[in-house]
Amino acid sequence: MDSSEGAARGGFTCELCDLSSPYTFHGQKPPNTRGIVLLEECYGMQDPFSPEKEKFLVLGSKCCVCNKTVCAGTECSLFYTKRFCLPCVREHLDQFPEQIQTELAKKKSAQKT
């Protein structure tokens, strides 16, 4: 077994909410997994709540528009074919499908109440 397996490769910090965590992999292929290829280059870590080595958590990725590092939390980003930070989604909302526009409008009105 590689002694660096599961060791932190660096620190991930969301530029919107300041969520910080060490990450153990960056890319589309999490370590210790078979046949899993993620749809984005993301930062991730081995799931600290699971003893199984193939379990992992995606922390976040880079926004494909502005290149900010953002977490996968729904308050900070949206994945629709690629990762978008919410400020970029709002700025280009008319370019997203109607369903996404509707969901974001619902979320926005729920936050106001």
Protein backbone atom coordinates (compact mmCIF):
# COMPACT_ATOMS: atom_id res chain seq x y z
CA MET A 1 0.00 0.00 0.00
CA ASP A 2 1.24 3.50 -0.88
CA SER A 3 1.98 5.46 2.30
CA SER A 4 0.66 8.65 0.66
CA GLU A 5 -2.72 7.02 -0.05
CA GLY A 6 -5.39 9.17 1.54
CA ALA A 7 -2.85 11.86 2.44
CA ALA A 8 -3.83 15.46 1.82
CA ARG A 9 -2.48 16.86 -1.46
CA GLY A 10 -3.47 20.43 -0.63
CA GLY A 11 -6.19 22.63 0.74
CA PHE A 12 -9.53 23.33 -0.93
CA THR A 13 -11.29 26.63 -0.13
CA CYS A 14 -14.55 27.81 -1.69
CA GLU A 15 -14.18 31.40 -2.87
CA LEU A 16 -17.84 32.12 -2.11
CA CYS A 17 -18.53 30.62 1.33
CA ASP A 18 -14.98 29.97 2.59
CA LEU A 19 -15.60 26.25 3.16
CA SER A 20 -12.13 24.80 3.72
CA SER A 21 -10.95 21.22 3.73
CA PRO A 22 -7.86 19.28 2.78
CA TYR A 23 -8.30 17.37 -0.48
CA THR A 24 -6.75 14.02 -1.36
CA PHE A 25 -7.41 14.02 -5.10
CA HIS A 26 -7.99 16.41 -7.98
CA GLY A 27 -9.30 15.17 -11.30
CA GLN A 28 -12.01 13.00 -12.80
CA LYS A 29 -10.87 9.64 -11.42
CA PRO A 30 -11.10 9.19 -7.64
CA PRO A 31 -8.47 6.80 -6.23
CA ASN A 32 -9.45 3.28 -5.19
CA THR A 33 -12.48 3.23 -7.49
CA ARG A 34 -13.20 1.05 -10.48
CA GLY A 35 -15.14 2.32 -13.44
CA ILE A 36 -15.94 5.73 -11.94
CA VAL A 37 -15.11 8.75 -14.04
CA LEU A 38 -16.54 12.06 -12.84
CA LEU A 39 -17.96 14.57 -15.31
CA GLU A 40 -15.68 17.36 -14.10
CA GLU A 41 -12.17 17.96 -12.83
CA CYS A 42 -13.00 18.22 -9.14
CA TYR A 43 -11.39 18.34 -5.74
CA GLY A 44 -12.29 15.46 -3.47
CA MET A 45 -11.34 13.42 -0.49
CA GLN A 46 -11.81 9.95 0.90
CA ASP A 47 -15.06 9.81 2.87
CA PRO A 48 -13.98 10.23 6.51
CA PHE A 49 -17.23 8.63 7.70
CA SER A 50 -16.74 5.36 5.82
CA PRO A 51 -14.15 2.64 6.42
CA GLU A 52 -14.42 1.64 2.73
CA LYS A 53 -11.53 3.07 0.69
CA GLU A 54 -13.59 3.45 -2.49
CA LYS A 55 -16.04 5.91 -0.86
CA PHE A 56 -15.28 9.56 -1.58
CA LEU A 57 -16.71 13.07 -1.24
CA VAL A 58 -16.63 15.72 -3.94
CA LEU A 59 -15.70 19.06 -2.37
CA GLY A 60 -16.01 21.26 -5.43
CA SER A 61 -14.49 22.42 -8.67
CA LYS A 62 -13.68 25.50 -10.76
CA CYS A 63 -16.48 27.56 -12.32
CA CYS A 64 -16.27 27.04 -16.08
CA VAL A 65 -17.04 30.75 -16.72
CA CYS A 66 -14.98 32.76 -14.20
CA ASN A 67 -12.61 30.01 -12.98
CA LYS A 68 -13.36 30.64 -9.27
CA THR A 69 -12.93 27.66 -6.98
CA VAL A 70 -16.40 26.84 -5.62
CA CYS A 71 -17.79 24.11 -3.40
CA ALA A 72 -20.48 21.71 -4.55
CA GLY A 73 -22.98 23.21 -2.08
CA THR A 74 -26.25 24.41 -3.59
CA GLU A 75 -25.71 27.92 -2.19
CA CYS A 76 -22.47 28.31 -4.13
CA SER A 77 -22.64 26.36 -7.38
CA LEU A 78 -24.68 24.41 -9.88
CA PHE A 79 -23.64 21.51 -12.08
CA TYR A 80 -25.31 21.55 -15.47
CA THR A 81 -23.01 19.75 -17.94
CA LYS A 82 -20.24 21.80 -16.25
CA ARG A 83 -19.76 23.53 -12.88
CA PHE A 84 -21.06 27.11 -12.64
CA CYS A 85 -20.80 29.41 -9.61
CA LEU A 86 -24.18 30.95 -8.71
CA PRO A 87 -23.07 34.52 -9.53
CA CYS A 88 -22.28 33.37 -13.09
CA VAL A 89 -25.55 31.44 -13.27
CA ARG A 90 -27.48 34.58 -12.30
CA GLU A 91 -25.53 36.67 -14.81
CA HIS A 92 -26.26 34.23 -17.65
CA LEU A 93 -29.59 32.84 -16.43
CA ASP A 94 -31.32 33.35 -19.79
CA GLN A 95 -28.87 30.86 -21.35
CA PHE A 96 -29.96 28.02 -19.04
CA PRO A 97 -32.96 25.74 -19.65
CA GLU A 98 -36.33 26.92 -18.37
CA GLN A 99 -36.40 24.20 -15.68
CA ILE A 100 -33.17 25.54 -14.12
CA GLN A 101 -34.48 29.10 -14.29
CA THR A 102 -37.69 28.03 -12.54
CA GLU A 103 -35.82 26.11 -9.81
CA LEU A 104 -33.56 29.08 -9.09
CA ALA A 105 -36.56 31.44 -8.97
CA LYS A 106 -38.26 29.12 -6.44
CA LYS A 107 -35.11 28.97 -4.33
CA LYS A 108 -34.74 32.75 -4.42
CA SER A 109 -38.38 33.34 -3.33
CA ALA A 110 -38.02 30.74 -0.54
CA GLN A 111 -34.97 32.60 0.81
CA LYS A 112 -36.94 35.86 0.99
CA THR A 113 -39.64 34.34 3.23
